Amino acid sequence: MNQQQIERINELARKAKTTEGLTPEEKAEQAVLRRAYIDSVVGNLKGQLDNTVIVDEKGRRRKLKEKKEEE
């Protein structure tokens, strides 16, 4: 996600708040850009968490594990 895409998301959001609103094409573009932004944020967070370690009281380092869902 680059700065131009973020600026376009903000531009569409401002336009949506006006009385003019968005055209159907702009609404579709906004949805695509928002999904790309969310995917980018989630990917960055996963990357950070994959490189995060926990240090216990004895100084041992261990990587975070994915939490298993309870059934």
PDB file of N, CA and C in Angstrom:
ATOM      1  N   MET A   1       0.874  -1.173   0.000  1.00  0.00           N
ATOM      2  CA  MET A   1       0.000   0.000   0.000  1.00  0.00           C
ATOM      3  C   MET A   1       0.908   1.219   0.000  1.00  0.00           C
ATOM      4  N   ASN A   2       0.778   2.035  -1.028  1.00  0.00           N
ATOM      5  CA  ASN A   2       1.624   3.223  -1.106  1.00  0.00           C
ATOM      6  C   ASN A   2       0.844   4.476  -0.706  1.00  0.00           C
ATOM      7  N   GLN A   3       1.549   5.573  -0.612  1.00  0.00           N
ATOM      8  CA  GLN A   3       0.958   6.825  -0.134  1.00  0.00           C
ATOM      9  C   GLN A   3      -0.149   7.318  -1.064  1.00  0.00           C
ATOM     10  N   GLN A   4       0.002   7.124  -2.364  1.00  0.00           N
ATOM     11  CA  GLN A   4      -1.027   7.557  -3.317  1.00  0.00           C
ATOM     12  C   GLN A   4      -2.341   6.813  -3.090  1.00  0.00           C
ATOM     13  N   GLN A   5      -2.248   5.521  -2.791  1.00  0.00           N
ATOM     14  CA  GLN A   5      -3.459   4.738  -2.538  1.00  0.00           C
ATOM     15  C   GLN A   5      -4.144   5.199  -1.257  1.00  0.00           C
ATOM     16  N   ILE A   6      -3.371   5.501  -0.239  1.00  0.00           N
ATOM     17  CA  ILE A   6      -3.944   5.983   1.018  1.00  0.00           C
ATOM     18  C   ILE A   6      -4.614   7.337   0.807  1.00  0.00           C
ATOM     19  N   GLU A   7      -3.968   8.202   0.037  1.00  0.00           N
ATOM     20  CA  GLU A   7      -4.566   9.506  -0.263  1.00  0.00           C
ATOM     21  C   GLU A   7      -5.877   9.343  -1.031  1.00  0.00           C
ATOM     22  N   ARG A   8      -5.918   8.372  -1.940  1.00  0.00           N
ATOM     23  CA  ARG A   8      -7.145   8.126  -2.706  1.00  0.00           C
ATOM     24  C   ARG A   8      -8.257   7.603  -1.787  1.00  0.00           C
ATOM     25  N   ILE A   9      -7.922   6.735  -0.845  1.00  0.00           N
ATOM     26  CA  ILE A   9      -8.906   6.253   0.128  1.00  0.00           C
ATOM     27  C   ILE A   9      -9.494   7.435   0.890  1.00  0.00           C
ATOM     28  N   ASN A  10      -8.638   8.325   1.352  1.00  0.00           N
ATOM     29  CA  ASN A  10      -9.089   9.493   2.108  1.00  0.00           C
ATOM     30  C   ASN A  10      -9.919  10.436   1.243  1.00  0.00           C
ATOM     31  N   GLU A  11      -9.518  10.590  -0.001  1.00  0.00           N
ATOM     32  CA  GLU A  11     -10.265  11.449  -0.920  1.00  0.00           C
ATOM     33  C   GLU A  11     -11.680  10.899  -1.135  1.00  0.00           C
ATOM     34  N   LEU A  12     -11.781   9.601  -1.346  1.00  0.00           N
ATOM     35  CA  LEU A  12     -13.094   8.981  -1.542  1.00  0.00           C
ATOM     36  C   LEU A  12     -13.938   9.066  -0.271  1.00  0.00           C
ATOM     37  N   ALA A  13     -13.312   8.926   0.878  1.00  0.00           N
ATOM     38  CA  ALA A  13     -14.045   9.028   2.144  1.00  0.00           C
ATOM     39  C   ALA A  13     -14.610  10.430   2.335  1.00  0.00           C
ATOM     40  N   ARG A  14     -13.803  11.441   2.009  1.00  0.00           N
ATOM     41  CA  ARG A  14     -14.298  12.823   2.117  1.00  0.00           C
ATOM     42  C   ARG A  14     -15.442  13.073   1.149  1.00  0.00           C
ATOM     43  N   LYS A  15     -15.306  12.570  -0.065  1.00  0.00           N
ATOM     44  CA  LYS A  15     -16.353  12.771  -1.068  1.00  0.00           C
ATOM     45  C   LYS A  15     -17.645  12.052  -0.659  1.00  0.00           C
ATOM     46  N   ALA A  16     -17.524  10.894  -0.036  1.00  0.00           N
ATOM     47  CA  ALA A  16     -18.700  10.132   0.392  1.00  0.00           C
ATOM     48  C   ALA A  16     -19.499  10.891   1.439  1.00  0.00           C
ATOM     49  N   LYS A  17     -18.839  11.723   2.215  1.00  0.00           N
ATOM     50  CA  LYS A  17     -19.509  12.483   3.277  1.00  0.00           C
ATOM     51  C   LYS A  17     -20.228  13.715   2.750  1.00  0.00           C
ATOM     52  N   THR A  18     -19.956  14.104   1.512  1.00  0.00           N
ATOM     53  CA  THR A  18     -20.605  15.282   0.946  1.00  0.00           C
ATOM     54  C   THR A  18     -21.977  14.906   0.406  1.00  0.00           C
ATOM     55  N   THR A  19     -22.751  15.921   0.036  1.00  0.00           N
ATOM     56  CA  THR A  19     -24.079  15.673  -0.533  1.00  0.00           C
ATOM     57  C   THR A  19     -23.975  15.034  -1.907  1.00  0.00           C
ATOM     58  N   GLU A  20     -22.837  15.212  -2.567  1.00  0.00           N
ATOM     59  CA  GLU A  20     -22.617  14.627  -3.891  1.00  0.00           C
ATOM     60  C   GLU A  20     -22.549  13.101  -3.814  1.00  0.00           C
ATOM     61  N   GLY A  21     -21.861  12.588  -2.827  1.00  0.00           N
ATOM     62  CA  GLY A  21     -21.725  11.145  -2.651  1.00  0.00           C
ATOM     63  C   GLY A  21     -20.798  10.521  -3.685  1.00  0.00           C
ATOM     64  N   LEU A  22     -20.762   9.200  -3.686  1.00  0.00           N
ATOM     65  CA  LEU A  22     -19.894   8.458  -4.592  1.00  0.00           C
ATOM     66  C   LEU A  22     -20.709   7.805  -5.703  1.00  0.00           C
ATOM     67  N   THR A  23     -20.086   7.707  -6.866  1.00  0.00           N
ATOM     68  CA  THR A  23     -20.704   6.971  -7.962  1.00  0.00           C
ATOM     69  C   THR A  23     -20.518   5.476  -7.680  1.00  0.00           C
ATOM     70  N   PRO A  24     -21.275   4.617  -8.348  1.00  0.00           N
ATOM     71  CA  PRO A  24     -21.076   3.170  -8.140  1.00  0.00           C
ATOM     72  C   PRO A  24     -19.639   2.719  -8.439  1.00  0.00           C
ATOM     73  N   GLU A  25     -19.016   3.325  -9.442  1.00  0.00           N
ATOM     74  CA  GLU A  25     -17.633   2.968  -9.768  1.00  0.00           C
ATOM     75  C   GLU A  25     -16.688   3.376  -8.636  1.00  0.00           C
ATOM     76  N   GLU A  26     -16.933   4.549  -8.064  1.00  0.00           N
ATOM     77  CA  GLU A  26     -16.090   5.007  -6.955  1.00  0.00           C
ATOM     78  C   GLU A  26     -16.303   4.155  -5.708  1.00  0.00           C
ATOM     79  N   LYS A  27     -17.534   3.712  -5.484  1.00  0.00           N
ATOM     80  CA  LYS A  27     -17.801   2.829  -4.341  1.00  0.00           C
ATOM     81  C   LYS A  27     -17.048   1.513  -4.503  1.00  0.00           C
ATOM     82  N   ALA A  28     -17.026   0.981  -5.723  1.00  0.00           N
ATOM     83  CA  ALA A  28     -16.293  -0.259  -5.978  1.00  0.00           C
ATOM     84  C   ALA A  28     -14.793  -0.043  -5.786  1.00  0.00           C
ATOM     85  N   GLU A  29     -14.277   1.077  -6.274  1.00  0.00           N
ATOM     86  CA  GLU A  29     -12.855   1.404  -6.105  1.00  0.00           C
ATOM     87  C   GLU A  29     -12.521   1.541  -4.620  1.00  0.00           C
ATOM     88  N   GLN A  30     -13.407   2.194  -3.875  1.00  0.00           N
ATOM     89  CA  GLN A  30     -13.198   2.386  -2.438  1.00  0.00           C
ATOM     90  C   GLN A  30     -13.138   1.035  -1.719  1.00  0.00           C
ATOM     91  N   ALA A  31     -14.028   0.118  -2.095  1.00  0.00           N
ATOM     92  CA  ALA A  31     -14.044  -1.208  -1.461  1.00  0.00           C
ATOM     93  C   ALA A  31     -12.741  -1.963  -1.742  1.00  0.00           C
ATOM     94  N   VAL A  32     -12.260  -1.889  -2.979  1.00  0.00           N
ATOM     95  CA  VAL A  32     -11.007  -2.564  -3.339  1.00  0.00           C
ATOM     96  C   VAL A  32      -9.836  -1.964  -2.571  1.00  0.00           C
ATOM     97  N   LEU A  33      -9.779  -0.638  -2.510  1.00  0.00           N
ATOM     98  CA  LEU A  33      -8.677   0.020  -1.801  1.00  0.00           C
ATOM     99  C   LEU A  33      -8.718  -0.273  -0.304  1.00  0.00           C
ATOM    100  N   ARG A  34      -9.909  -0.280   0.276  1.00  0.00           N
ATOM    101  CA  ARG A  34     -10.023  -0.579   1.709  1.00  0.00           C
ATOM    102  C   ARG A  34      -9.578  -2.002   2.004  1.00  0.00           C
ATOM    103  N   ARG A  35      -9.965  -2.960   1.148  1.00  0.00           N
ATOM    104  CA  ARG A  35      -9.558  -4.355   1.355  1.00  0.00           C
ATOM    105  C   ARG A  35      -8.044  -4.470   1.271  1.00  0.00           C
ATOM    106  N   ALA A  36      -7.432  -3.786   0.298  1.00  0.00           N
ATOM    107  CA  ALA A  36      -5.971  -3.821   0.157  1.00  0.00           C
ATOM    108  C   ALA A  36      -5.295  -3.230   1.391  1.00  0.00           C
ATOM    109  N   TYR A  37      -5.862  -2.158   1.926  1.00  0.00           N
ATOM    110  CA  TYR A  37      -5.301  -1.522   3.125  1.00  0.00           C
ATOM    111  C   TYR A  37      -5.390  -2.474   4.318  1.00  0.00           C
ATOM    112  N   ILE A  38      -6.550  -3.081   4.513  1.00  0.00           N
ATOM    113  CA  ILE A  38      -6.733  -4.014   5.628  1.00  0.00           C
ATOM    114  C   ILE A  38      -5.774  -5.195   5.497  1.00  0.00           C
ATOM    115  N   ASP A  39      -5.656  -5.755   4.290  1.00  0.00           N
ATOM    116  CA  ASP A  39      -4.734  -6.876   4.070  1.00  0.00           C
ATOM    117  C   ASP A  39      -3.294  -6.471   4.368  1.00  0.00           C
ATOM    118  N   SER A  40      -2.935  -5.246   4.021  1.00  0.00           N
ATOM    119  CA  SER A  40      -1.590  -4.747   4.284  1.00  0.00           C
ATOM    120  C   SER A  40      -1.332  -4.640   5.790  1.00  0.00           C
ATOM    121  N   VAL A  41      -2.289  -4.088   6.520  1.00  0.00           N
ATOM    122  CA  VAL A  41      -2.139  -3.931   7.968  1.00  0.00           C
ATOM    123  C   VAL A  41      -2.046  -5.304   8.643  1.00  0.00           C
ATOM    124  N   VAL A  42      -2.905  -6.230   8.254  1.00  0.00           N
ATOM    125  CA  VAL A  42      -2.898  -7.571   8.849  1.00  0.00           C
ATOM    126  C   VAL A  42      -1.573  -8.272   8.538  1.00  0.00           C
ATOM    127  N   GLY A  43      -1.094  -8.143   7.313  1.00  0.00           N
ATOM    128  CA  GLY A  43       0.181  -8.757   6.940  1.00  0.00           C
ATOM    129  C   GLY A  43       1.340  -8.201   7.748  1.00  0.00           C
ATOM    130  N   ASN A  44       1.350  -6.879   7.933  1.00  0.00           N
ATOM    131  CA  ASN A  44       2.411  -6.257   8.730  1.00  0.00           C
ATOM    132  C   ASN A  44       2.353  -6.721  10.181  1.00  0.00           C
ATOM    133  N   LEU A  45       1.151  -6.828  10.740  1.00  0.00           N
ATOM    134  CA  LEU A  45       0.998  -7.275  12.121  1.00  0.00           C
ATOM    135  C   LEU A  45       1.465  -8.720  12.275  1.00  0.00           C
ATOM    136  N   LYS A  46       1.088  -9.575  11.334  1.00  0.00           N
ATOM    137  CA  LYS A  46       1.527 -10.977  11.396  1.00  0.00           C
ATOM    138  C   LYS A  46       3.042 -11.068  11.323  1.00  0.00           C
ATOM    139  N   GLY A  47       3.646 -10.247  10.470  1.00  0.00           N
ATOM    140  CA  GLY A  47       5.101 -10.237  10.365  1.00  0.00           C
ATOM    141  C   GLY A  47       5.762  -9.833  11.663  1.00  0.00           C
ATOM    142  N   GLN A  48       5.186  -8.829  12.326  1.00  0.00           N
ATOM    143  CA  GLN A  48       5.722  -8.396  13.622  1.00  0.00           C
ATOM    144  C   GLN A  48       5.587  -9.502  14.660  1.00  0.00           C
ATOM    145  N   LEU A  49       4.422 -10.118  14.709  1.00  0.00           N
ATOM    146  CA  LEU A  49       4.191 -11.153  15.715  1.00  0.00           C
ATOM    147  C   LEU A  49       5.050 -12.391  15.463  1.00  0.00           C
ATOM    148  N   ASP A  50       5.330 -12.695  14.191  1.00  0.00           N
ATOM    149  CA  ASP A  50       6.193 -13.838  13.878  1.00  0.00           C
ATOM    150  C   ASP A  50       7.611 -13.623  14.397  1.00  0.00           C
ATOM    151  N   ASN A  51       8.017 -12.377  14.574  1.00  0.00           N
ATOM    152  CA  ASN A  51       9.367 -12.076  15.039  1.00  0.00           C
ATOM    153  C   ASN A  51       9.397 -11.624  16.498  1.00  0.00           C
ATOM    154  N   THR A  52       8.305 -11.851  17.225  1.00  0.00           N
ATOM    155  CA  THR A  52       8.225 -11.461  18.624  1.00  0.00           C
ATOM    156  C   THR A  52       8.565 -12.656  19.510  1.00  0.00           C
ATOM    157  N   VAL A  53       9.361 -12.399  20.534  1.00  0.00           N
ATOM    158  CA  VAL A  53       9.706 -13.458  21.492  1.00  0.00           C
ATOM    159  C   VAL A  53       9.291 -13.026  22.888  1.00  0.00           C
ATOM    160  N   ILE A  54       9.044 -14.017  23.723  1.00  0.00           N
ATOM    161  CA  ILE A  54       8.700 -13.770  25.124  1.00  0.00           C
ATOM    162  C   ILE A  54       9.872 -14.278  25.965  1.00  0.00           C
ATOM    163  N   VAL A  55      10.285 -13.471  26.922  1.00  0.00           N
ATOM    164  CA  VAL A  55      11.375 -13.863  27.814  1.00  0.00           C
ATOM    165  C   VAL A  55      10.749 -14.165  29.174  1.00  0.00           C
ATOM    166  N   ASP A  56      10.948 -15.409  29.651  1.00  0.00           N
ATOM    167  CA  ASP A  56      10.368 -15.784  30.941  1.00  0.00           C
ATOM    168  C   ASP A  56      11.268 -15.357  32.099  1.00  0.00           C
ATOM    169  N   GLU A  57      10.875 -15.742  33.319  1.00  0.00           N
ATOM    170  CA  GLU A  57      11.608 -15.317  34.517  1.00  0.00           C
ATOM    171  C   GLU A  57      13.056 -15.804  34.525  1.00  0.00           C
ATOM    172  N   LYS A  58      13.317 -16.937  33.883  1.00  0.00           N
ATOM    173  CA  LYS A  58      14.663 -17.514  33.871  1.00  0.00           C
ATOM    174  C   LYS A  58      15.499 -17.005  32.689  1.00  0.00           C
ATOM    175  N   GLY A  59      14.947 -16.095  31.929  1.00  0.00           N
ATOM    176  CA  GLY A  59      15.684 -15.521  30.816  1.00  0.00           C
ATOM    177  C   GLY A  59      15.604 -16.318  29.525  1.00  0.00           C
ATOM    178  N   ARG A  60      14.772 -17.352  29.512  1.00  0.00           N
ATOM    179  CA  ARG A  60      14.618 -18.147  28.289  1.00  0.00           C
ATOM    180  C   ARG A  60      13.727 -17.405  27.311  1.00  0.00           C
ATOM    181  N   ARG A  61      14.134 -17.469  26.064  1.00  0.00           N
ATOM    182  CA  ARG A  61      13.366 -16.791  25.011  1.00  0.00           C
ATOM    183  C   ARG A  61      12.586 -17.843  24.235  1.00  0.00           C
ATOM    184  N   ARG A  62      11.322 -17.510  23.951  1.00  0.00           N
ATOM    185  CA  ARG A  62      10.529 -18.421  23.121  1.00  0.00           C
ATOM    186  C   ARG A  62       9.634 -17.594  22.205  1.00  0.00           C
ATOM    187  N   LYS A  63       9.407 -18.139  21.031  1.00  0.00           N
ATOM    188  CA  LYS A  63       8.558 -17.450  20.057  1.00  0.00           C
ATOM    189  C   LYS A  63       7.099 -17.579  20.481  1.00  0.00           C
ATOM    190  N   LEU A  64       6.315 -16.612  20.028  1.00  0.00           N
ATOM    191  CA  LEU A  64       4.880 -16.696  20.250  1.00  0.00           C
ATOM    192  C   LEU A  64       4.318 -17.833  19.421  1.00  0.00           C
ATOM    193  N   LYS A  65       3.334 -18.524  19.981  1.00  0.00           N
ATOM    194  CA  LYS A  65       2.674 -19.595  19.243  1.00  0.00           C
ATOM    195  C   LYS A  65       1.271 -19.142  18.894  1.00  0.00           C
ATOM    196  N   GLU A  66       0.762 -19.666  17.791  1.00  0.00           N
ATOM    197  CA  GLU A  66      -0.599 -19.336  17.392  1.00  0.00           C
ATOM    198  C   GLU A  66      -1.563 -20.007  18.368  1.00  0.00           C
ATOM    199  N   LYS A  67      -2.516 -19.240  18.843  1.00  0.00           N
ATOM    200  CA  LYS A  67      -3.479 -19.767  19.798  1.00  0.00           C
ATOM    201  C   LYS A  67      -4.451 -20.687  19.078  1.00  0.00           C
ATOM    202  N   LYS A  68      -4.643 -21.863  19.648  1.00  0.00           N
ATOM    203  CA  LYS A  68      -5.567 -22.828  19.032  1.00  0.00           C
ATOM    204  C   LYS A  68      -6.977 -22.510  19.508  1.00  0.00           C
ATOM    205  N   GLU A  69      -7.912 -22.617  18.568  1.00  0.00           N
ATOM    206  CA  GLU A  69      -9.294 -22.343  18.904  1.00  0.00           C
ATOM    207  C   GLU A  69      -9.870 -23.473  19.748  1.00  0.00           C
ATOM    208  N   GLU A  70     -10.679 -23.096  20.743  1.00  0.00           N
ATOM    209  CA  GLU A  70     -11.325 -24.098  21.572  1.00  0.00           C
ATOM    210  C   GLU A  70     -12.583 -24.568  20.875  1.00  0.00           C
ATOM    211  N   GLU A  71     -12.853 -25.864  21.017  1.00  0.00           N
ATOM    212  CA  GLU A  71     -14.032 -26.420  20.349  1.00  0.00           C
ATOM    213  C   GLU A  71     -15.222 -26.415  21.252  1.00  0.00           C
TER     214      GLU A  71
END
